[in-house]
Amino acid sequence: MSVDTTASAAGSSPAGPDAPVGSPADVDADADTEGVVAMFRRVLEVEDVSADSDFFLLGGDSLVATRVLSAVARSYGVELTFEDFIGAPTPEQLAEKIAATR
């Protein structure tokens, strides 16, 4: 697994700007992103999903978004709103919301 050093160097690591690259928080964020990518693939029935894929540009709508939000609640124990989802429509952004809510 690779670690995005550009985000950590820019101070946007979930653990904070002083966290070392490859810290447990970075690894958790990567795992969360991969988990959300898998959720998008499952509910949208699309294989070509990456960390920066926009849910709505992939064909998702508000009804299907509720399935993602339910899966997030079950998998991560985090209740996000539809407004949260609108503001973070990519797996990477949604994973950041999950991490911030924990």
Protein backbone atom coordinates (compact mmCIF):
# COMPACT_ATOMS: atom_id res chain seq x y z
CA MET A 1 0.00 0.00 0.00
CA SER A 2 1.36 3.44 -0.84
CA VAL A 3 0.92 6.55 1.27
CA ASP A 4 0.15 9.91 -0.31
CA THR A 5 2.97 12.08 0.96
CA THR A 6 1.71 15.20 -0.79
CA ALA A 7 -1.39 15.45 1.41
CA SER A 8 0.63 14.95 4.58
CA ALA A 9 3.29 17.41 3.52
CA ALA A 10 0.59 19.98 2.85
CA GLY A 11 -0.75 19.55 6.38
CA SER A 12 -3.98 17.85 5.40
CA SER A 13 -3.26 14.54 7.06
CA PRO A 14 -6.18 13.30 9.18
CA ALA A 15 -3.74 13.16 12.10
CA GLY A 16 -2.78 16.81 11.63
CA PRO A 17 0.03 18.74 10.02
CA ASP A 18 2.72 17.43 12.39
CA ALA A 19 1.86 13.74 12.03
CA PRO A 20 4.59 11.69 10.42
CA VAL A 21 3.98 10.41 6.92
CA GLY A 22 2.68 6.87 7.09
CA SER A 23 1.19 7.37 10.55
CA PRO A 24 -1.73 5.15 11.65
CA ALA A 25 -4.20 7.94 10.81
CA ASP A 26 -2.91 8.05 7.21
CA VAL A 27 -3.26 4.28 6.92
CA ASP A 28 -6.81 4.45 8.35
CA ALA A 29 -7.74 7.19 5.87
CA ASP A 30 -6.42 5.06 2.99
CA ALA A 31 -8.41 2.06 4.22
CA ASP A 32 -11.54 4.20 4.63
CA THR A 33 -11.12 5.54 1.09
CA GLU A 34 -10.80 2.01 -0.29
CA GLY A 35 -13.87 0.98 1.68
CA VAL A 36 -15.91 3.84 0.23
CA VAL A 37 -14.62 3.03 -3.29
CA ALA A 38 -15.97 -0.51 -2.78
CA MET A 39 -19.33 0.89 -1.61
CA PHE A 40 -19.59 3.10 -4.71
CA ARG A 41 -18.76 0.12 -6.96
CA ARG A 42 -21.38 -2.04 -5.28
CA VAL A 43 -24.29 0.42 -5.23
CA LEU A 44 -23.58 1.93 -8.65
CA GLU A 45 -22.71 -1.43 -10.22
CA VAL A 46 -19.69 0.23 -11.85
CA GLU A 47 -16.15 -1.14 -11.63
CA ASP A 48 -14.31 1.99 -12.80
CA VAL A 49 -14.31 3.92 -9.51
CA SER A 50 -11.25 5.62 -8.05
CA ALA A 51 -10.66 7.74 -4.95
CA ASP A 52 -11.47 10.92 -6.87
CA SER A 53 -14.53 9.64 -8.79
CA ASP A 54 -17.60 11.85 -8.34
CA PHE A 55 -20.59 9.74 -7.27
CA PHE A 56 -23.09 11.85 -9.20
CA LEU A 57 -21.01 11.93 -12.41
CA LEU A 58 -20.88 8.14 -12.23
CA GLY A 59 -24.68 8.07 -12.43
CA GLY A 60 -25.57 8.14 -8.74
CA ASP A 61 -28.65 9.96 -7.50
CA SER A 62 -30.15 10.87 -4.14
CA LEU A 63 -31.89 7.52 -3.71
CA VAL A 64 -28.73 5.54 -4.37
CA ALA A 65 -26.77 7.95 -2.13
CA THR A 66 -28.95 6.85 0.79
CA ARG A 67 -27.66 3.31 0.23
CA VAL A 68 -24.09 4.58 0.52
CA LEU A 69 -24.96 6.53 3.68
CA SER A 70 -26.54 3.41 5.19
CA ALA A 71 -23.46 1.37 4.32
CA VAL A 72 -21.24 4.04 5.91
CA ALA A 73 -23.33 3.91 9.10
CA ARG A 74 -23.14 0.10 9.23
CA SER A 75 -19.45 -0.16 8.38
CA TYR A 76 -18.04 2.80 10.27
CA GLY A 77 -20.65 3.62 12.91
CA VAL A 78 -20.87 7.17 11.56
CA GLU A 79 -24.13 8.90 10.67
CA LEU A 80 -23.57 11.32 7.78
CA THR A 81 -26.28 13.49 6.27
CA PHE A 82 -27.20 13.85 2.62
CA GLU A 83 -25.76 17.36 2.82
CA ASP A 84 -22.46 15.82 3.97
CA PHE A 85 -22.59 13.56 0.93
CA ILE A 86 -23.35 16.44 -1.46
CA GLY A 87 -20.35 18.31 -0.09
CA ALA A 88 -18.08 15.27 -0.35
CA PRO A 89 -19.16 13.24 -3.40
CA THR A 90 -15.89 11.35 -3.94
CA PRO A 91 -14.66 8.35 -1.94
CA GLU A 92 -11.63 10.30 -0.74
CA GLN A 93 -13.72 13.27 0.44
CA LEU A 94 -16.32 11.02 2.05
CA ALA A 95 -13.57 9.10 3.86
CA GLU A 96 -12.29 12.43 5.21
CA LYS A 97 -15.80 13.19 6.51
CA ILE A 98 -15.93 9.77 8.15
CA ALA A 99 -12.56 10.33 9.83
CA ALA A 100 -13.56 13.81 11.00
CA THR A 101 -16.81 12.51 12.50
CA ARG A 102 -15.19 9.67 14.47
